Amino acid sequence: MARGGNSSLETPLCPNQDTTTDHEFYAPPAEQCCCCRGDIVEEAKRQLWLAGPLIAVSLLQYSLQVISIMFVGHLGKLPLSGASLGSSFASVTGFSVLLGMGSALETLCGQAYGAKQHHMLGVHTQRAMLVLLGLSIPLSIIWFYTGNILITIGQQRNISTEAGTFNQWMIPGLFAYAILQCLNRFLQTQNNVFPMLITSGATTLAHVLFCWVFVFQYKLGSKGAALAIAMSYWVNVFLSVAYINLAPACAKTWKGFSKEAFHDVLSFIKLAVPSAIMICFEYWSFEMVVLLSGLLPNPQIETSVLSISLNTCWMVYMISVGLGGAISTRVSNELGAGNVQGALLALRVMIVIAISEGTIVGLLTILIRNVWGKVYSNEDEVIRYVAKMMPLLALSDFLDGFQCVLSGAARGCGWQNLCAFINLGAYYVVAIPSAVLLSFVFHIGGMGLWMGIICGLSVQVIALVTVNVCTDWDKEARKAVLVTQKINRVMEP
């Protein structure tokens, strides 16, 4: 596409840019492109100020299920096994799908905010709510028959029945989770993250109270723990809705419910589906590794150690999720504003932050390798095995953090389709086959399964780095401008 000769691109994005031509906008003078140390420091502060609360929000919202499992753990082995299996099944078939679908708003709302099309944030968010609530209906049916599905695929009947009951009582929370994902992206993409931190913190405190009341006072057992999750998600939704409707900071971006949300739903779905596929491919591969560990010799020890490894990985992953959300917001905002240099600066600064964070976490993981297993078990065999796994976890955490940042930048650009194919190849053409080969052919055991994941992560990182290096960022900015203008034309009465 030629930079000149297209009159539609000469429409200013912002009121104070009325004299900017297309050529001037995308090819600024050299002195404007150069980034001084002050720009880098300012960008780093902006990103850390954004990423810090997002990391805390991710940890707090993830902790709801962990807290419920901890309460159920005091009820006996069967309730604990059932709740753990049910929670894992719910994450694979429900939460990860809605999380992925909602991440499409990182592109749409982020670029709209950068282009100062503030009213479109509310429209995009309402449209996403409609789609995700509609999707929650078939997902809730799957949850209702969790027990039957698990028994059919060969899980123990008593544990499957317990898991099925747990998920049935958690169904109301699925609809709240769908709304919450949309509201979180709505606030995140306008850099308004501290209210999310406050509402998530208040919800976590309320969740502890709910668990205590339902599990122990009303003696509902694991059903009470599941009900507590559902109620806590709704509390978070109500607090977020109250803030959005009352806060002056959201006055420009939330104008109340609009009929425009029913328009162009298909365009949202076309972006949301690859967003969900992109995230689910990664989530599911890690869960598959734990399932494969049950087929190894001495499956009890292998499954225990792989479960500990996965839980450790998910905790560290919450840091990466916060960094990925921050860079997605920064890149989408800058591209929406047509600021190519700002988007590139944001990406480069975040890569340095991700490498620093990954190095620190990796070193800590190695240093605590001999004591970490004691947090989960008193068995010497488990503790020694976990210590052997920890260096592999350190490497995978480093690679996972790096790819999370690159994937966040990709969401900011709207590359979900491409990333879905990258994740498909990385995890299901490389990671899982490599894990099977190393574990069952070369007999490396559970460590071989995790080595397979590392192979997949390496391929994913290499592919994402290649895509970013080969990207024409001027073209991405022009694309963001065209998308914004197209949406405005569609929404015009």
Protein backbone atom coordinates (compact mmCIF):
# COMPACT_ATOMS: atom_id res chain seq x y z
CA MET A 1 0.00 0.00 0.00
CA ALA A 2 1.48 3.34 -1.00
CA ARG A 3 1.80 5.94 1.73
CA GLY A 4 0.49 8.70 -0.49
CA GLY A 5 -2.53 8.79 -2.71
CA ASN A 6 -5.04 7.39 -0.21
CA SER A 7 -7.31 10.17 0.95
CA SER A 8 -8.90 8.07 3.69
CA LEU A 9 -5.62 7.95 5.58
CA GLU A 10 -5.38 11.72 5.72
CA THR A 11 -8.18 11.94 8.25
CA PRO A 12 -6.58 13.02 11.53
CA LEU A 13 -6.68 10.55 14.39
CA CYS A 14 -6.67 13.24 17.05
CA PRO A 15 -8.02 16.77 17.05
CA ASN A 16 -4.55 18.30 17.45
CA GLN A 17 -3.22 16.49 14.36
CA ASP A 18 -5.30 18.29 11.77
CA THR A 19 -2.27 19.40 9.75
CA THR A 20 -0.53 15.99 9.70
CA THR A 21 -0.38 14.27 6.33
CA ASP A 22 -0.11 10.54 5.85
CA HIS A 23 3.54 10.73 4.84
CA GLU A 24 4.46 12.94 7.80
CA PHE A 25 2.52 10.76 10.19
CA TYR A 26 4.24 7.50 9.34
CA ALA A 27 7.69 8.83 8.54
CA PRO A 28 8.53 11.36 11.25
CA PRO A 29 11.79 13.25 11.17
CA ALA A 30 14.84 11.42 12.45
CA GLU A 31 15.05 13.49 15.61
CA GLN A 32 11.52 12.38 16.51
CA CYS A 33 12.39 8.71 16.01
CA CYS A 34 15.42 8.68 18.25
CA CYS A 35 14.78 7.66 21.82
CA CYS A 36 16.85 9.30 24.53
CA ARG A 37 17.58 7.71 27.88
CA GLY A 38 14.79 9.76 29.42
CA ASP A 39 12.25 8.26 27.00
CA ILE A 40 13.41 4.75 27.86
CA VAL A 41 13.24 5.38 31.60
CA GLU A 42 9.81 6.99 31.28
CA GLU A 43 8.53 4.06 29.22
CA ALA A 44 9.92 1.57 31.74
CA LYS A 45 8.17 3.40 34.60
CA ARG A 46 4.91 3.47 32.65
CA GLN A 47 5.08 -0.25 31.93
CA LEU A 48 6.01 -1.27 35.47
CA TRP A 49 3.24 0.96 36.85
CA LEU A 50 0.85 -0.88 34.53
CA ALA A 51 2.28 -4.39 34.89
CA GLY A 52 2.54 -4.39 38.70
CA PRO A 53 -1.21 -4.19 39.39
CA LEU A 54 -1.94 -6.56 36.49
CA ILE A 55 0.37 -9.18 38.01
CA ALA A 56 -1.35 -8.76 41.38
CA VAL A 57 -4.80 -9.00 39.76
CA SER A 58 -3.81 -12.21 37.95
CA LEU A 59 -2.52 -13.75 41.18
CA LEU A 60 -5.58 -12.70 43.19
CA GLN A 61 -8.07 -14.02 40.66
CA TYR A 62 -6.10 -17.25 40.23
CA SER A 63 -6.05 -17.66 44.01
CA LEU A 64 -9.84 -18.10 44.23
CA GLN A 65 -9.68 -21.68 43.00
CA VAL A 66 -6.51 -22.37 45.00
CA ILE A 67 -8.14 -21.15 48.24
CA SER A 68 -11.22 -23.29 47.62
CA ILE A 69 -9.04 -26.37 47.04
CA MET A 70 -7.17 -25.61 50.27
CA PHE A 71 -10.43 -25.56 52.24
CA VAL A 72 -11.61 -28.78 50.58
CA GLY A 73 -8.26 -30.38 51.44
CA HIS A 74 -9.34 -30.45 55.09
CA LEU A 75 -12.35 -32.61 54.24
CA GLY A 76 -10.45 -35.74 53.16
CA LYS A 77 -8.75 -37.35 50.17
CA LEU A 78 -11.86 -37.98 48.06
CA PRO A 79 -13.25 -34.40 48.22
CA LEU A 80 -9.74 -33.04 47.53
CA SER A 81 -9.21 -35.35 44.54
CA GLY A 82 -12.65 -34.55 43.14
CA ALA A 83 -12.30 -30.80 43.57
CA SER A 84 -8.80 -30.83 42.04
CA LEU A 85 -9.94 -32.85 39.04
CA GLY A 86 -13.08 -30.74 38.64
CA SER A 87 -11.11 -27.50 38.85
CA SER A 88 -8.64 -28.73 36.22
CA PHE A 89 -11.50 -29.80 33.92
CA ALA A 90 -13.21 -26.43 34.43
CA SER A 91 -10.03 -24.56 33.52
CA VAL A 92 -9.58 -26.55 30.31
CA THR A 93 -13.20 -26.50 29.12
CA GLY A 94 -14.38 -23.14 30.44
CA PHE A 95 -12.10 -20.58 32.00
CA SER A 96 -9.30 -20.79 29.42
CA VAL A 97 -11.81 -20.51 26.55
CA LEU A 98 -13.45 -17.38 27.98
CA LEU A 99 -10.06 -15.90 28.88
CA GLY A 100 -8.94 -16.36 25.29
CA MET A 101 -12.13 -14.96 23.76
CA GLY A 102 -11.98 -11.92 26.02
CA SER A 103 -8.38 -11.17 25.06
CA ALA A 104 -9.63 -9.98 21.66
CA LEU A 105 -10.58 -6.78 23.49
CA GLU A 106 -6.90 -6.09 24.08
CA THR A 107 -6.65 -5.40 20.35
CA LEU A 108 -10.00 -3.68 19.79
CA CYS A 109 -10.24 -1.56 22.93
CA GLY A 110 -6.53 -0.85 23.05
CA GLN A 111 -6.35 0.52 19.51
CA ALA A 112 -9.64 2.42 19.92
CA TYR A 113 -8.31 4.09 23.07
CA GLY A 114 -5.06 5.02 21.34
CA ALA A 115 -7.04 6.53 18.46
CA LYS A 116 -9.10 8.52 21.00
CA GLN A 117 -12.30 6.78 19.91
CA HIS A 118 -13.27 6.55 23.57
CA HIS A 119 -16.94 5.67 23.14
CA MET A 120 -15.94 2.56 21.17
CA LEU A 121 -14.41 0.95 24.27
CA GLY A 122 -17.85 0.61 25.80
CA VAL A 123 -19.34 -0.67 22.54
CA HIS A 124 -16.61 -3.27 22.04
CA THR A 125 -16.93 -4.38 25.67
CA GLN A 126 -20.71 -4.78 25.48
CA ARG A 127 -20.40 -6.74 22.24
CA ALA A 128 -17.86 -9.03 23.87
CA MET A 129 -20.17 -9.55 26.85
CA LEU A 130 -22.99 -10.68 24.57
CA VAL A 131 -20.76 -13.17 22.76
CA LEU A 132 -19.10 -14.57 25.89
CA LEU A 133 -22.39 -14.91 27.78
CA GLY A 134 -23.85 -16.76 24.81
CA LEU A 135 -20.81 -19.05 24.71
CA SER A 136 -21.16 -19.71 28.45
CA ILE A 137 -24.44 -21.56 27.85
CA PRO A 138 -22.93 -24.56 25.96
CA LEU A 139 -19.89 -24.48 28.26
CA SER A 140 -22.18 -24.72 31.30
CA ILE A 141 -23.82 -27.79 29.76
CA ILE A 142 -20.39 -29.40 29.46
CA TRP A 143 -19.75 -28.58 33.12
CA PHE A 144 -23.12 -30.05 34.12
CA TYR A 145 -22.08 -33.40 32.64
CA THR A 146 -18.49 -33.26 33.93
CA GLY A 147 -18.85 -36.48 35.92
CA ASN A 148 -20.23 -38.47 32.97
CA ILE A 149 -17.50 -37.14 30.65
CA LEU A 150 -14.70 -38.02 33.07
CA ILE A 151 -16.07 -41.54 33.64
CA THR A 152 -16.34 -42.03 29.87
CA ILE A 153 -12.66 -41.15 29.32
CA GLY A 154 -11.58 -43.64 32.00
CA GLN A 155 -11.29 -41.66 35.24
CA GLN A 156 -12.24 -43.33 38.53
CA ARG A 157 -15.99 -43.24 39.09
CA ASN A 158 -16.03 -41.92 42.67
CA ILE A 159 -13.54 -39.14 41.95
CA SER A 160 -15.35 -38.24 38.69
CA THR A 161 -18.69 -38.04 40.48
CA GLU A 162 -17.19 -35.73 43.10
CA ALA A 163 -15.65 -33.59 40.35
CA GLY A 164 -18.98 -33.44 38.54
CA THR A 165 -20.78 -32.21 41.63
CA PHE A 166 -18.10 -29.59 42.23
CA ASN A 167 -18.42 -28.18 38.69
CA GLN A 168 -22.22 -28.19 38.76
CA TRP A 169 -22.20 -25.91 41.80
CA MET A 170 -19.63 -23.67 40.11
CA ILE A 171 -21.73 -23.09 36.95
CA PRO A 172 -23.15 -19.68 38.04
CA GLY A 173 -19.58 -18.43 38.31
CA LEU A 174 -18.94 -19.23 34.65
CA PHE A 175 -21.26 -16.41 33.53
CA ALA A 176 -19.70 -13.99 36.01
CA TYR A 177 -16.24 -14.95 34.78
CA ALA A 178 -17.30 -14.17 31.20
CA ILE A 179 -18.41 -10.67 32.17
CA LEU A 180 -15.35 -10.12 34.36
CA GLN A 181 -12.95 -10.86 31.50
CA CYS A 182 -14.60 -8.14 29.42
CA LEU A 183 -14.61 -5.58 32.24
CA ASN A 184 -10.96 -6.29 33.06
CA ARG A 185 -9.90 -5.66 29.44
CA PHE A 186 -12.07 -2.54 29.32
CA LEU A 187 -10.17 -1.04 32.28
CA GLN A 188 -6.76 -2.46 31.35
CA THR A 189 -6.68 -1.01 27.85
CA GLN A 190 -7.26 2.51 29.16
CA ASN A 191 -4.43 2.06 31.70
CA ASN A 192 -6.89 2.13 34.59
CA VAL A 193 -5.61 -0.88 36.53
CA PHE A 194 -5.62 0.10 40.20
CA PRO A 195 -9.43 -0.24 40.51
CA MET A 196 -9.00 -3.81 39.22
CA LEU A 197 -6.44 -4.42 41.97
CA ILE A 198 -8.76 -3.05 44.67
CA THR A 199 -11.83 -5.00 43.52
CA SER A 200 -9.82 -8.22 43.14
CA GLY A 201 -8.30 -7.80 46.59
CA ALA A 202 -11.71 -7.20 48.17
CA THR A 203 -13.09 -10.22 46.31
CA THR A 204 -10.30 -12.47 47.59
CA LEU A 205 -11.01 -11.43 51.19
CA ALA A 206 -14.71 -12.07 50.66
CA HIS A 207 -13.88 -15.45 49.12
CA VAL A 208 -12.07 -16.63 52.24
CA LEU A 209 -15.18 -15.74 54.27
CA PHE A 210 -17.50 -17.47 51.78
CA CYS A 211 -15.40 -20.64 51.91
CA TRP A 212 -15.38 -20.71 55.70
CA VAL A 213 -19.15 -20.17 55.92
CA PHE A 214 -20.21 -22.60 53.18
CA VAL A 215 -17.66 -25.35 53.78
CA PHE A 216 -17.57 -25.45 57.57
CA GLN A 217 -20.54 -23.50 58.96
CA TYR A 218 -23.20 -24.76 56.54
CA LYS A 219 -21.27 -28.04 56.05
CA LEU A 220 -21.73 -28.04 52.27
CA GLY A 221 -18.28 -29.55 51.78
CA SER A 222 -16.78 -29.31 48.30
CA LYS A 223 -20.12 -28.00 46.99
CA GLY A 224 -19.73 -25.02 49.31
CA ALA A 225 -16.20 -24.37 48.01
CA ALA A 226 -17.50 -24.36 44.43
CA LEU A 227 -20.40 -22.08 45.37
CA ALA A 228 -17.90 -19.72 47.04
CA ILE A 229 -16.00 -19.43 43.73
CA ALA A 230 -19.20 -18.58 41.88
CA MET A 231 -20.29 -15.97 44.42
CA SER A 232 -16.82 -14.41 44.53
CA TYR A 233 -16.74 -13.91 40.76
CA TRP A 234 -20.13 -12.19 40.95
CA VAL A 235 -18.90 -9.96 43.78
CA ASN A 236 -15.97 -8.95 41.58
CA VAL A 237 -18.34 -8.21 38.70
CA PHE A 238 -20.65 -6.05 40.83
CA LEU A 239 -17.74 -4.08 42.28
CA SER A 240 -16.28 -3.51 38.80
CA VAL A 241 -19.65 -2.45 37.37
CA ALA A 242 -20.19 -0.03 40.25
CA TYR A 243 -16.82 1.57 39.67
CA ILE A 244 -17.25 1.86 35.89
CA ASN A 245 -20.65 3.49 36.24
CA LEU A 246 -19.66 5.90 39.01
CA ALA A 247 -16.02 6.82 38.31
CA PRO A 248 -15.32 10.02 36.33
CA ALA A 249 -12.34 8.21 34.75
CA CYS A 250 -14.76 6.02 32.77
CA ALA A 251 -17.20 8.78 31.81
CA LYS A 252 -15.85 9.05 28.24
CA THR A 253 -15.48 5.33 27.63
CA TRP A 254 -18.72 4.02 29.16
CA LYS A 255 -21.88 5.74 27.94
CA GLY A 256 -24.28 3.07 29.11
CA PHE A 257 -25.69 0.21 27.07
CA SER A 258 -25.92 0.86 23.35
CA LYS A 259 -27.66 -0.77 20.40
CA GLU A 260 -24.35 -0.46 18.55
CA ALA A 261 -23.16 -3.52 20.49
CA PHE A 262 -25.43 -5.69 18.32
CA HIS A 263 -23.75 -4.47 15.13
CA ASP A 264 -20.81 -6.25 13.47
CA VAL A 265 -20.74 -9.09 16.01
CA LEU A 266 -19.18 -11.35 13.40
CA SER A 267 -16.04 -9.18 13.22
CA PHE A 268 -15.52 -9.60 16.95
CA ILE A 269 -16.00 -13.37 16.70
CA LYS A 270 -13.46 -13.57 13.85
CA LEU A 271 -10.85 -12.05 16.17
CA ALA A 272 -12.01 -13.71 19.39
CA VAL A 273 -11.96 -17.31 18.11
CA PRO A 274 -8.25 -17.30 17.12
CA SER A 275 -7.54 -15.46 20.39
CA ALA A 276 -9.13 -18.35 22.29
CA ILE A 277 -7.36 -20.95 20.16
CA MET A 278 -4.05 -19.18 20.68
CA ILE A 279 -4.36 -19.34 24.48
CA CYS A 280 -6.08 -22.74 24.75
CA PHE A 281 -3.44 -24.51 22.66
CA GLU A 282 -0.84 -23.48 25.24
CA TYR A 283 -2.94 -24.15 28.35
CA TRP A 284 -4.11 -27.56 27.14
CA SER A 285 -0.61 -28.78 26.30
CA PHE A 286 0.56 -28.28 29.89
CA GLU A 287 -2.48 -30.15 31.23
CA MET A 288 -1.84 -32.93 28.70
CA VAL A 289 1.65 -33.42 30.10
CA VAL A 290 0.18 -34.16 33.54
CA LEU A 291 -2.24 -36.67 32.00
CA LEU A 292 0.64 -38.37 30.14
CA SER A 293 2.56 -38.69 33.40
CA GLY A 294 -0.11 -41.13 34.59
CA LEU A 295 0.99 -43.57 31.87
CA LEU A 296 4.62 -43.69 33.05
CA PRO A 297 6.06 -46.37 35.34
CA ASN A 298 5.41 -45.45 38.97
CA PRO A 299 2.57 -43.09 37.95
CA GLN A 300 1.83 -41.94 41.51
CA ILE A 301 5.22 -40.30 41.98
CA GLU A 302 5.36 -39.03 38.38
CA THR A 303 1.90 -37.46 38.54
CA SER A 304 2.61 -35.87 41.93
CA VAL A 305 5.86 -34.27 40.76
CA LEU A 306 4.39 -33.11 37.43
CA SER A 307 1.41 -31.60 39.29
CA ILE A 308 3.78 -29.74 41.63
CA SER A 309 5.77 -28.57 38.61
CA LEU A 310 2.63 -27.36 36.85
CA ASN A 311 1.34 -25.50 39.92
CA THR A 312 4.75 -23.84 40.32
CA CYS A 313 4.77 -22.94 36.64
CA TRP A 314 1.28 -21.39 36.82
CA MET A 315 2.24 -19.23 39.80
CA VAL A 316 5.25 -17.81 37.96
CA TYR A 317 3.14 -17.54 34.81
CA MET A 318 0.92 -14.98 36.54
CA ILE A 319 3.90 -12.59 36.46
CA SER A 320 4.24 -13.18 32.73
CA VAL A 321 0.51 -12.63 32.25
CA GLY A 322 0.82 -9.20 33.86
CA LEU A 323 3.79 -8.28 31.67
CA GLY A 324 1.98 -9.57 28.58
CA GLY A 325 -1.12 -7.55 29.43
CA ALA A 326 0.96 -4.42 29.92
CA ILE A 327 2.78 -4.67 26.58
CA SER A 328 -0.46 -5.54 24.79
CA THR A 329 -2.02 -2.35 26.15
CA ARG A 330 1.00 -0.20 25.32
CA VAL A 331 1.43 -1.53 21.76
CA SER A 332 -2.29 -1.33 20.93
CA ASN A 333 -2.55 2.20 22.36
CA GLU A 334 0.47 3.42 20.39
CA LEU A 335 -0.58 1.76 17.14
CA GLY A 336 -4.11 3.12 17.54
CA ALA A 337 -2.57 6.58 17.88
CA GLY A 338 -0.37 5.88 14.83
CA ASN A 339 2.82 6.21 16.91
CA VAL A 340 5.08 3.56 15.37
CA GLN A 341 8.16 4.62 17.35
CA GLY A 342 6.21 4.52 20.60
CA ALA A 343 5.07 0.94 19.91
CA LEU A 344 8.62 -0.17 19.07
CA LEU A 345 10.05 1.53 22.15
CA ALA A 346 7.42 -0.13 24.35
CA LEU A 347 8.22 -3.56 22.92
CA ARG A 348 11.99 -3.15 23.32
CA VAL A 349 11.70 -1.92 26.90
CA MET A 350 9.37 -4.78 27.82
CA ILE A 351 11.73 -7.34 26.29
CA VAL A 352 14.50 -6.07 28.59
CA ILE A 353 12.10 -6.24 31.57
CA ALA A 354 11.04 -9.78 30.62
CA ILE A 355 14.64 -10.98 30.28
CA SER A 356 15.54 -9.43 33.65
CA GLU A 357 12.47 -10.92 35.35
CA GLY A 358 13.08 -14.33 33.77
CA THR A 359 16.71 -14.36 34.85
CA ILE A 360 15.87 -13.43 38.46
CA VAL A 361 13.04 -15.99 38.69
CA GLY A 362 15.20 -18.65 37.07
CA LEU A 363 18.05 -18.11 39.53
CA LEU A 364 15.64 -18.17 42.51
CA THR A 365 14.07 -21.36 41.19
CA ILE A 366 17.46 -23.06 41.06
CA LEU A 367 18.49 -21.75 44.50
CA ILE A 368 15.38 -23.12 46.24
CA ARG A 369 15.35 -26.44 44.36
CA ASN A 370 16.25 -28.51 47.41
CA VAL A 371 13.53 -27.06 49.67
CA TRP A 372 10.63 -26.37 47.30
CA GLY A 373 9.40 -29.96 47.31
CA LYS A 374 8.99 -29.81 51.11
CA VAL A 375 6.22 -27.22 50.64
CA TYR A 376 4.11 -29.88 48.92
CA SER A 377 5.21 -33.20 50.39
CA ASN A 378 7.01 -34.94 53.24
CA GLU A 379 8.13 -37.83 51.02
CA ASP A 380 11.90 -37.84 50.44
CA GLU A 381 11.47 -39.35 46.97
CA VAL A 382 9.14 -36.54 45.91
CA ILE A 383 11.42 -33.86 47.36
CA ARG A 384 14.48 -35.23 45.53
CA TYR A 385 12.56 -35.57 42.26
CA VAL A 386 11.24 -32.00 42.51
CA ALA A 387 14.82 -30.78 43.09
CA LYS A 388 15.87 -32.48 39.83
CA MET A 389 12.95 -30.86 37.97
CA MET A 390 13.57 -27.32 39.19
CA PRO A 391 16.38 -26.40 36.71
CA LEU A 392 14.03 -27.44 33.88
CA LEU A 393 11.30 -25.30 35.43
CA ALA A 394 13.72 -22.37 35.59
CA LEU A 395 14.40 -22.65 31.86
CA SER A 396 10.74 -23.09 30.96
CA ASP A 397 9.73 -20.11 33.14
CA PHE A 398 12.32 -17.95 31.38
CA LEU A 399 11.11 -18.98 27.92
CA ASP A 400 7.44 -18.75 28.93
CA GLY A 401 7.89 -15.21 30.22
CA PHE A 402 9.63 -14.17 27.02
CA GLN A 403 6.94 -15.68 24.78
CA CYS A 404 4.20 -14.14 26.95
CA VAL A 405 5.58 -10.68 26.23
CA LEU A 406 5.88 -11.38 22.50
CA SER A 407 2.37 -12.86 22.45
CA GLY A 408 1.07 -9.78 24.29
CA ALA A 409 2.60 -7.54 21.63
CA ALA A 410 1.01 -9.77 18.99
CA ARG A 411 -2.42 -9.33 20.60
CA GLY A 412 -1.87 -5.58 20.60
CA CYS A 413 -1.27 -5.76 16.84
CA GLY A 414 -4.18 -8.14 16.17
CA TRP A 415 -2.04 -11.10 15.05
CA GLN A 416 -4.18 -13.71 16.79
CA ASN A 417 -4.68 -15.81 13.65
CA LEU A 418 -0.94 -16.09 13.03
CA CYS A 419 -0.18 -16.83 16.69
CA ALA A 420 -2.82 -19.58 16.76
CA PHE A 421 -0.94 -21.38 13.96
CA ILE A 422 2.41 -20.79 15.71
CA ASN A 423 1.06 -22.27 18.96
CA LEU A 424 -0.47 -25.22 17.11
CA GLY A 425 2.89 -26.04 15.55
CA ALA A 426 4.95 -25.34 18.67
CA TYR A 427 2.90 -27.40 21.10
CA TYR A 428 1.23 -30.13 19.05
CA VAL A 429 3.79 -30.69 16.28
CA VAL A 430 6.89 -30.21 18.46
CA ALA A 431 6.18 -30.17 22.23
CA ILE A 432 3.81 -33.12 22.76
CA PRO A 433 5.52 -35.48 20.25
CA SER A 434 8.92 -34.57 21.74
CA ALA A 435 7.57 -35.21 25.24
CA VAL A 436 6.26 -38.64 24.22
CA LEU A 437 9.52 -39.49 22.45
CA LEU A 438 11.76 -38.45 25.35
CA SER A 439 9.60 -40.06 28.04
CA PHE A 440 8.38 -43.29 26.48
CA VAL A 441 11.06 -44.07 23.88
CA PHE A 442 14.21 -42.72 25.56
CA HIS A 443 12.75 -43.49 29.03
CA ILE A 444 13.64 -40.15 30.64
CA GLY A 445 10.34 -40.18 32.54
CA GLY A 446 8.61 -37.06 33.82
CA MET A 447 11.67 -34.94 33.11
CA GLY A 448 11.35 -35.97 29.47
CA LEU A 449 7.76 -34.72 29.42
CA TRP A 450 8.88 -31.31 30.64
CA MET A 451 11.79 -31.29 28.18
CA GLY A 452 9.20 -31.70 25.44
CA ILE A 453 7.40 -28.59 26.69
CA ILE A 454 10.71 -26.71 26.63
CA CYS A 455 11.22 -27.78 23.00
CA GLY A 456 7.80 -26.37 22.14
CA LEU A 457 8.45 -23.13 24.02
CA SER A 458 11.75 -22.71 22.18
CA VAL A 459 10.06 -23.08 18.80
CA GLN A 460 7.33 -20.65 19.87
CA VAL A 461 9.86 -18.02 20.99
CA ILE A 462 11.92 -18.37 17.80
CA ALA A 463 8.80 -18.02 15.64
CA LEU A 464 7.51 -14.97 17.55
CA VAL A 465 10.93 -13.27 17.45
CA THR A 466 11.10 -13.87 13.71
CA VAL A 467 7.63 -12.41 13.19
CA ASN A 468 8.48 -9.29 15.23
CA VAL A 469 11.81 -8.74 13.46
CA CYS A 470 10.25 -9.12 10.01
CA THR A 471 7.24 -6.91 10.75
CA ASP A 472 6.64 -3.68 8.84
CA TRP A 473 5.52 -1.59 11.81
CA ASP A 474 4.50 1.34 9.59
CA LYS A 475 2.09 -1.03 7.89
CA GLU A 476 0.71 -2.17 11.25
CA ALA A 477 0.03 1.45 12.23
CA ARG A 478 -1.71 2.10 8.89
CA LYS A 479 -3.79 -1.02 9.44
CA ALA A 480 -4.84 0.19 12.90
CA VAL A 481 -5.91 3.53 11.38
CA LEU A 482 -7.94 1.80 8.65
CA VAL A 483 -9.64 -0.53 11.15
CA THR A 484 -10.63 2.42 13.35
CA GLN A 485 -12.01 4.34 10.37
CA LYS A 486 -13.92 1.30 9.15
CA ILE A 487 -15.53 0.81 12.55
CA ASN A 488 -16.52 4.47 12.68
CA ARG A 489 -18.17 4.20 9.25
CA VAL A 490 -20.08 1.09 10.32
CA MET A 491 -21.30 2.79 13.50
CA GLU A 492 -22.40 6.00 11.79
CA PRO A 493 -26.21 6.33 11.74
